[in-house]
PDB file of N, CA and C in Angstrom:
ATOM      1  N   UNK A   1       0.841  -1.182   0.000  1.00  0.00           N
ATOM      2  CA  UNK A   1       0.000   0.000   0.000  1.00  0.00           C
ATOM      3  C   UNK A   1       0.888   1.248   0.000  1.00  0.00           C
ATOM      4  N   UNK A   2       0.575   2.180  -0.857  1.00  0.00           N
ATOM      5  CA  UNK A   2       1.326   3.431  -0.950  1.00  0.00           C
ATOM      6  C   UNK A   2       0.450   4.602  -0.529  1.00  0.00           C
ATOM      7  N   UNK A   3       1.109   5.659  -0.126  1.00  0.00           N
ATOM      8  CA  UNK A   3       0.415   6.858   0.325  1.00  0.00           C
ATOM      9  C   UNK A   3       1.082   8.068  -0.297  1.00  0.00           C
ATOM     10  N   UNK A   4       0.270   8.996  -0.749  1.00  0.00           N
ATOM     11  CA  UNK A   4       0.772  10.232  -1.324  1.00  0.00           C
ATOM     12  C   UNK A   4       0.322  11.385  -0.444  1.00  0.00           C
ATOM     13  N   UNK A   5       1.262  12.268  -0.110  1.00  0.00           N
ATOM     14  CA  UNK A   5       0.930  13.472   0.649  1.00  0.00           C
ATOM     15  C   UNK A   5       1.214  14.676  -0.237  1.00  0.00           C
ATOM     16  N   UNK A   6       0.237  15.570  -0.300  1.00  0.00           N
ATOM     17  CA  UNK A   6       0.350  16.768  -1.117  1.00  0.00           C
ATOM     18  C   UNK A   6       0.429  17.976  -0.197  1.00  0.00           C
ATOM     19  N   UNK A   7       1.474  18.751  -0.354  1.00  0.00           N
ATOM     20  CA  UNK A   7       1.663  19.966   0.438  1.00  0.00           C
ATOM     21  C   UNK A   7       0.901  21.102  -0.255  1.00  0.00           C
ATOM     22  N   UNK A   8      -0.280  21.419   0.284  1.00  0.00           N
ATOM     23  CA  UNK A   8      -1.138  22.420  -0.349  1.00  0.00           C
ATOM     24  C   UNK A   8      -0.528  23.807  -0.395  1.00  0.00           C
ATOM     25  N   UNK A   9       0.373  24.112   0.517  1.00  0.00           N
ATOM     26  CA  UNK A   9       0.988  25.438   0.508  1.00  0.00           C
ATOM     27  C   UNK A   9       2.013  25.575  -0.622  1.00  0.00           C
ATOM     28  N   UNK A  10       2.477  24.457  -1.163  1.00  0.00           N
ATOM     29  CA  UNK A  10       3.434  24.502  -2.278  1.00  0.00           C
ATOM     30  C   UNK A  10       2.761  24.291  -3.631  1.00  0.00           C
ATOM     31  N   UNK A  11       1.587  23.686  -3.631  1.00  0.00           N
ATOM     32  CA  UNK A  11       0.885  23.374  -4.879  1.00  0.00           C
ATOM     33  C   UNK A  11       0.410  24.652  -5.557  1.00  0.00           C
ATOM     34  N   UNK A  12       0.739  24.796  -6.842  1.00  0.00           N
ATOM     35  CA  UNK A  12       0.295  25.979  -7.587  1.00  0.00           C
ATOM     36  C   UNK A  12      -0.800  25.631  -8.603  1.00  0.00           C
ATOM     37  N   UNK A  13      -1.365  24.456  -8.452  1.00  0.00           N
ATOM     38  CA  UNK A  13      -2.510  24.021  -9.270  1.00  0.00           C
ATOM     39  C   UNK A  13      -2.184  23.939 -10.758  1.00  0.00           C
ATOM     40  N   UNK A  14      -1.058  23.365 -11.092  1.00  0.00           N
ATOM     41  CA  UNK A  14      -0.701  23.197 -12.500  1.00  0.00           C
ATOM     42  C   UNK A  14      -1.340  21.933 -13.092  1.00  0.00           C
ATOM     43  N   UNK A  15      -1.746  21.008 -12.230  1.00  0.00           N
ATOM     44  CA  UNK A  15      -2.430  19.762 -12.591  1.00  0.00           C
ATOM     45  C   UNK A  15      -1.582  18.784 -13.404  1.00  0.00           C
ATOM     46  N   UNK A  16      -0.272  18.961 -13.397  1.00  0.00           N
ATOM     47  CA  UNK A  16       0.593  18.006 -14.085  1.00  0.00           C
ATOM     48  C   UNK A  16       0.507  16.632 -13.420  1.00  0.00           C
ATOM     49  N   UNK A  17       0.354  16.613 -12.110  1.00  0.00           N
ATOM     50  CA  UNK A  17       0.243  15.340 -11.391  1.00  0.00           C
ATOM     51  C   UNK A  17      -1.052  14.618 -11.760  1.00  0.00           C
ATOM     52  N   UNK A  18      -2.103  15.384 -12.001  1.00  0.00           N
ATOM     53  CA  UNK A  18      -3.399  14.799 -12.371  1.00  0.00           C
ATOM     54  C   UNK A  18      -3.279  14.053 -13.694  1.00  0.00           C
ATOM     55  N   UNK A  19      -2.616  14.650 -14.649  1.00  0.00           N
ATOM     56  CA  UNK A  19      -2.480  14.028 -15.966  1.00  0.00           C
ATOM     57  C   UNK A  19      -1.411  12.935 -15.990  1.00  0.00           C
ATOM     58  N   UNK A  20      -0.522  12.928 -15.009  1.00  0.00           N
ATOM     59  CA  UNK A  20       0.579  11.967 -14.983  1.00  0.00           C
ATOM     60  C   UNK A  20       0.223  10.659 -14.290  1.00  0.00           C
ATOM     61  N   UNK A  21      -0.647  10.699 -13.291  1.00  0.00           N
ATOM     62  CA  UNK A  21      -0.957   9.497 -12.504  1.00  0.00           C
ATOM     63  C   UNK A  21      -1.537   8.387 -13.383  1.00  0.00           C
ATOM     64  N   UNK A  22      -0.867   7.228 -13.468  1.00  0.00           N
ATOM     65  CA  UNK A  22      -1.355   6.147 -14.334  1.00  0.00           C
ATOM     66  C   UNK A  22      -2.650   5.507 -13.834  1.00  0.00           C
ATOM     67  N   UNK A  23      -2.978   5.701 -12.587  1.00  0.00           N
ATOM     68  CA  UNK A  23      -4.195   5.129 -12.003  1.00  0.00           C
ATOM     69  C   UNK A  23      -5.299   6.170 -11.816  1.00  0.00           C
ATOM     70  N   UNK A  24      -5.037   7.419 -12.231  1.00  0.00           N
ATOM     71  CA  UNK A  24      -6.008   8.518 -12.092  1.00  0.00           C
ATOM     72  C   UNK A  24      -6.496   8.685 -10.656  1.00  0.00           C
ATOM     73  N   UNK A  25      -5.570   8.663  -9.711  1.00  0.00           N
ATOM     74  CA  UNK A  25      -5.898   8.766  -8.297  1.00  0.00           C
ATOM     75  C   UNK A  25      -5.738  10.177  -7.738  1.00  0.00           C
ATOM     76  N   UNK A  26      -5.214  11.083  -8.537  1.00  0.00           N
ATOM     77  CA  UNK A  26      -5.086  12.476  -8.113  1.00  0.00           C
ATOM     78  C   UNK A  26      -6.105  13.285  -8.907  1.00  0.00           C
ATOM     79  N   UNK A  27      -6.941  13.973  -8.172  1.00  0.00           N
ATOM     80  CA  UNK A  27      -8.053  14.700  -8.785  1.00  0.00           C
ATOM     81  C   UNK A  27      -8.023  16.169  -8.392  1.00  0.00           C
ATOM     82  N   UNK A  28      -8.710  16.970  -9.168  1.00  0.00           N
ATOM     83  CA  UNK A  28      -8.911  18.377  -8.844  1.00  0.00           C
ATOM     84  C   UNK A  28      -9.852  18.447  -7.642  1.00  0.00           C
ATOM     85  N   UNK A  29      -9.480  19.200  -6.650  1.00  0.00           N
ATOM     86  CA  UNK A  29     -10.232  19.312  -5.404  1.00  0.00           C
ATOM     87  C   UNK A  29     -11.234  20.467  -5.455  1.00  0.00           C
ATOM     88  N   UNK A  30     -12.147  20.488  -4.496  1.00  0.00           N
ATOM     89  CA  UNK A  30     -13.059  21.618  -4.329  1.00  0.00           C
ATOM     90  C   UNK A  30     -12.401  22.730  -3.520  1.00  0.00           C
ATOM     91  N   UNK A  31     -11.279  22.411  -2.862  1.00  0.00           N
ATOM     92  CA  UNK A  31     -10.568  23.380  -2.035  1.00  0.00           C
ATOM     93  C   UNK A  31      -9.718  24.289  -2.921  1.00  0.00           C
ATOM     94  N   UNK A  32      -9.567  25.533  -2.501  1.00  0.00           N
ATOM     95  CA  UNK A  32      -8.763  26.481  -3.265  1.00  0.00           C
ATOM     96  C   UNK A  32      -7.569  26.973  -2.445  1.00  0.00           C
ATOM     97  N   UNK A  33      -6.548  27.425  -3.148  1.00  0.00           N
ATOM     98  CA  UNK A  33      -5.392  28.016  -2.473  1.00  0.00           C
ATOM     99  C   UNK A  33      -5.648  29.508  -2.268  1.00  0.00           C
ATOM    100  N   UNK A  34      -4.668  30.216  -1.771  1.00  0.00           N
ATOM    101  CA  UNK A  34      -4.860  31.639  -1.453  1.00  0.00           C
ATOM    102  C   UNK A  34      -5.090  32.501  -2.699  1.00  0.00           C
ATOM    103  N   UNK A  35      -4.760  31.971  -3.867  1.00  0.00           N
ATOM    104  CA  UNK A  35      -4.990  32.708  -5.114  1.00  0.00           C
ATOM    105  C   UNK A  35      -6.329  32.362  -5.759  1.00  0.00           C
ATOM    106  N   UNK A  36      -7.046  31.399  -5.160  1.00  0.00           N
ATOM    107  CA  UNK A  36      -8.341  30.996  -5.693  1.00  0.00           C
ATOM    108  C   UNK A  36      -8.294  29.851  -6.677  1.00  0.00           C
ATOM    109  N   UNK A  37      -7.098  29.277  -6.888  1.00  0.00           N
ATOM    110  CA  UNK A  37      -6.963  28.133  -7.790  1.00  0.00           C
ATOM    111  C   UNK A  37      -7.356  26.856  -7.058  1.00  0.00           C
ATOM    112  N   UNK A  38      -7.972  25.935  -7.765  1.00  0.00           N
ATOM    113  CA  UNK A  38      -8.360  24.663  -7.168  1.00  0.00           C
ATOM    114  C   UNK A  38      -7.136  23.783  -6.950  1.00  0.00           C
ATOM    115  N   UNK A  39      -7.010  23.254  -5.744  1.00  0.00           N
ATOM    116  CA  UNK A  39      -5.903  22.370  -5.391  1.00  0.00           C
ATOM    117  C   UNK A  39      -6.179  20.970  -5.915  1.00  0.00           C
ATOM    118  N   UNK A  40      -5.273  20.047  -5.652  1.00  0.00           N
ATOM    119  CA  UNK A  40      -5.471  18.649  -6.021  1.00  0.00           C
ATOM    120  C   UNK A  40      -5.560  17.808  -4.752  1.00  0.00           C
ATOM    121  N   UNK A  41      -6.152  16.633  -4.885  1.00  0.00           N
ATOM    122  CA  UNK A  41      -6.243  15.723  -3.754  1.00  0.00           C
ATOM    123  C   UNK A  41      -6.026  14.294  -4.222  1.00  0.00           C
ATOM    124  N   UNK A  42      -5.495  13.492  -3.330  1.00  0.00           N
ATOM    125  CA  UNK A  42      -5.224  12.082  -3.586  1.00  0.00           C
ATOM    126  C   UNK A  42      -6.407  11.284  -3.080  1.00  0.00           C
ATOM    127  N   UNK A  43      -7.024  10.499  -3.955  1.00  0.00           N
ATOM    128  CA  UNK A  43      -8.163   9.665  -3.586  1.00  0.00           C
ATOM    129  C   UNK A  43      -7.868   8.230  -3.998  1.00  0.00           C
ATOM    130  N   UNK A  44      -7.681   7.371  -3.004  1.00  0.00           N
ATOM    131  CA  UNK A  44      -7.340   5.971  -3.279  1.00  0.00           C
ATOM    132  C   UNK A  44      -8.142   5.054  -2.350  1.00  0.00           C
ATOM    133  N   UNK A  45      -9.429   4.988  -2.567  1.00  0.00           N
ATOM    134  CA  UNK A  45     -10.319   4.196  -1.712  1.00  0.00           C
ATOM    135  C   UNK A  45     -10.081   2.690  -1.825  1.00  0.00           C
ATOM    136  N   UNK A  46      -9.565   2.246  -2.963  1.00  0.00           N
ATOM    137  CA  UNK A  46      -9.373   0.812  -3.200  1.00  0.00           C
ATOM    138  C   UNK A  46      -7.909   0.376  -3.147  1.00  0.00           C
ATOM    139  N   UNK A  47      -7.046   1.219  -2.578  1.00  0.00           N
ATOM    140  CA  UNK A  47      -5.612   0.918  -2.476  1.00  0.00           C
ATOM    141  C   UNK A  47      -5.000   0.536  -3.822  1.00  0.00           C
ATOM    142  N   UNK A  48      -5.263   1.343  -4.823  1.00  0.00           N
ATOM    143  CA  UNK A  48      -4.760   1.074  -6.172  1.00  0.00           C
ATOM    144  C   UNK A  48      -3.394   1.696  -6.450  1.00  0.00           C
ATOM    145  N   UNK A  49      -2.968   2.639  -5.627  1.00  0.00           N
ATOM    146  CA  UNK A  49      -1.702   3.326  -5.865  1.00  0.00           C
ATOM    147  C   UNK A  49      -0.545   2.330  -5.863  1.00  0.00           C
ATOM    148  N   UNK A  50       0.270   2.395  -6.902  1.00  0.00           N
ATOM    149  CA  UNK A  50       1.398   1.469  -7.029  1.00  0.00           C
ATOM    150  C   UNK A  50       2.709   2.087  -6.545  1.00  0.00           C
ATOM    151  N   UNK A  51       2.637   3.338  -6.092  1.00  0.00           N
ATOM    152  CA  UNK A  51       3.831   3.995  -5.556  1.00  0.00           C
ATOM    153  C   UNK A  51       4.881   4.287  -6.594  1.00  0.00           C
ATOM    154  N   UNK A  52       4.469   4.525  -7.822  1.00  0.00           N
ATOM    155  CA  UNK A  52       5.428   4.761  -8.911  1.00  0.00           C
ATOM    156  C   UNK A  52       6.143   6.110  -8.784  1.00  0.00           C
ATOM    157  N   UNK A  53       5.557   7.023  -8.037  1.00  0.00           N
ATOM    158  CA  UNK A  53       6.112   8.356  -7.791  1.00  0.00           C
ATOM    159  C   UNK A  53       6.194   9.227  -9.042  1.00  0.00           C
ATOM    160  N   UNK A  54       5.467   8.882 -10.068  1.00  0.00           N
ATOM    161  CA  UNK A  54       5.449   9.712 -11.273  1.00  0.00           C
ATOM    162  C   UNK A  54       4.895  11.099 -10.968  1.00  0.00           C
ATOM    163  N   UNK A  55       3.923  11.164 -10.075  1.00  0.00           N
ATOM    164  CA  UNK A  55       3.339  12.457  -9.707  1.00  0.00           C
ATOM    165  C   UNK A  55       4.378  13.354  -9.037  1.00  0.00           C
ATOM    166  N   UNK A  56       5.149  12.791  -8.138  1.00  0.00           N
ATOM    167  CA  UNK A  56       6.176  13.559  -7.427  1.00  0.00           C
ATOM    168  C   UNK A  56       7.296  13.994  -8.370  1.00  0.00           C
ATOM    169  N   UNK A  57       7.655  13.135  -9.304  1.00  0.00           N
ATOM    170  CA  UNK A  57       8.705  13.477 -10.264  1.00  0.00           C
ATOM    171  C   UNK A  57       8.254  14.577 -11.215  1.00  0.00           C
ATOM    172  N   UNK A  58       6.990  14.603 -11.536  1.00  0.00           N
ATOM    173  CA  UNK A  58       6.438  15.565 -12.494  1.00  0.00           C
ATOM    174  C   UNK A  58       6.142  16.920 -11.863  1.00  0.00           C
ATOM    175  N   UNK A  59       5.942  16.951 -10.541  1.00  0.00           N
ATOM    176  CA  UNK A  59       5.570  18.184  -9.849  1.00  0.00           C
ATOM    177  C   UNK A  59       6.736  19.181  -9.862  1.00  0.00           C
ATOM    178  N   UNK A  60       6.550  20.353 -10.484  1.00  0.00           N
ATOM    179  CA  UNK A  60       7.639  21.327 -10.570  1.00  0.00           C
ATOM    180  C   UNK A  60       7.931  22.027  -9.240  1.00  0.00           C
ATOM    181  N   UNK A  61       7.016  21.923  -8.287  1.00  0.00           N
ATOM    182  CA  UNK A  61       7.184  22.617  -7.010  1.00  0.00           C
ATOM    183  C   UNK A  61       7.511  21.685  -5.858  1.00  0.00           C
ATOM    184  N   UNK A  62       7.757  20.428  -6.163  1.00  0.00           N
ATOM    185  CA  UNK A  62       8.099  19.420  -5.146  1.00  0.00           C
ATOM    186  C   UNK A  62       7.071  19.428  -4.012  1.00  0.00           C
ATOM    187  N   UNK A  63       5.798  19.454  -4.385  1.00  0.00           N
ATOM    188  CA  UNK A  63       4.704  19.508  -3.408  1.00  0.00           C
ATOM    189  C   UNK A  63       4.148  18.135  -3.071  1.00  0.00           C
ATOM    190  N   UNK A  64       4.710  17.074  -3.669  1.00  0.00           N
ATOM    191  CA  UNK A  64       4.177  15.724  -3.473  1.00  0.00           C
ATOM    192  C   UNK A  64       5.255  14.798  -2.914  1.00  0.00           C
ATOM    193  N   UNK A  65       4.873  14.045  -1.888  1.00  0.00           N
ATOM    194  CA  UNK A  65       5.742  13.024  -1.313  1.00  0.00           C
ATOM    195  C   UNK A  65       5.028  11.680  -1.417  1.00  0.00           C
ATOM    196  N   UNK A  66       5.765  10.649  -1.791  1.00  0.00           N
ATOM    197  CA  UNK A  66       5.203   9.315  -1.946  1.00  0.00           C
ATOM    198  C   UNK A  66       5.819   8.396  -0.912  1.00  0.00           C
ATOM    199  N   UNK A  67       4.978   7.672  -0.192  1.00  0.00           N
ATOM    200  CA  UNK A  67       5.419   6.725   0.830  1.00  0.00           C
ATOM    201  C   UNK A  67       4.946   5.340   0.467  1.00  0.00           C
ATOM    202  N   UNK A  68       5.858   4.376   0.567  1.00  0.00           N
ATOM    203  CA  UNK A  68       5.503   2.972   0.307  1.00  0.00           C
ATOM    204  C   UNK A  68       5.416   2.224   1.600  1.00  0.00           C
TER     205      UNK A  68
END
């Protein structure tokens, strides 16, 4: 089982992680940052995350940490 933590204070809502996740487990959130942009959230109800860390590698702001 893998876990992804997203640092909302570093996320600039570029959504590169959303398009990169092979399991489509990172989604656009209803929450907004201080600029009004929608943040992202990790949703893995069925433990599908494979811990590939593609989202963390793609994030230009290093706002994602992956734990296995």
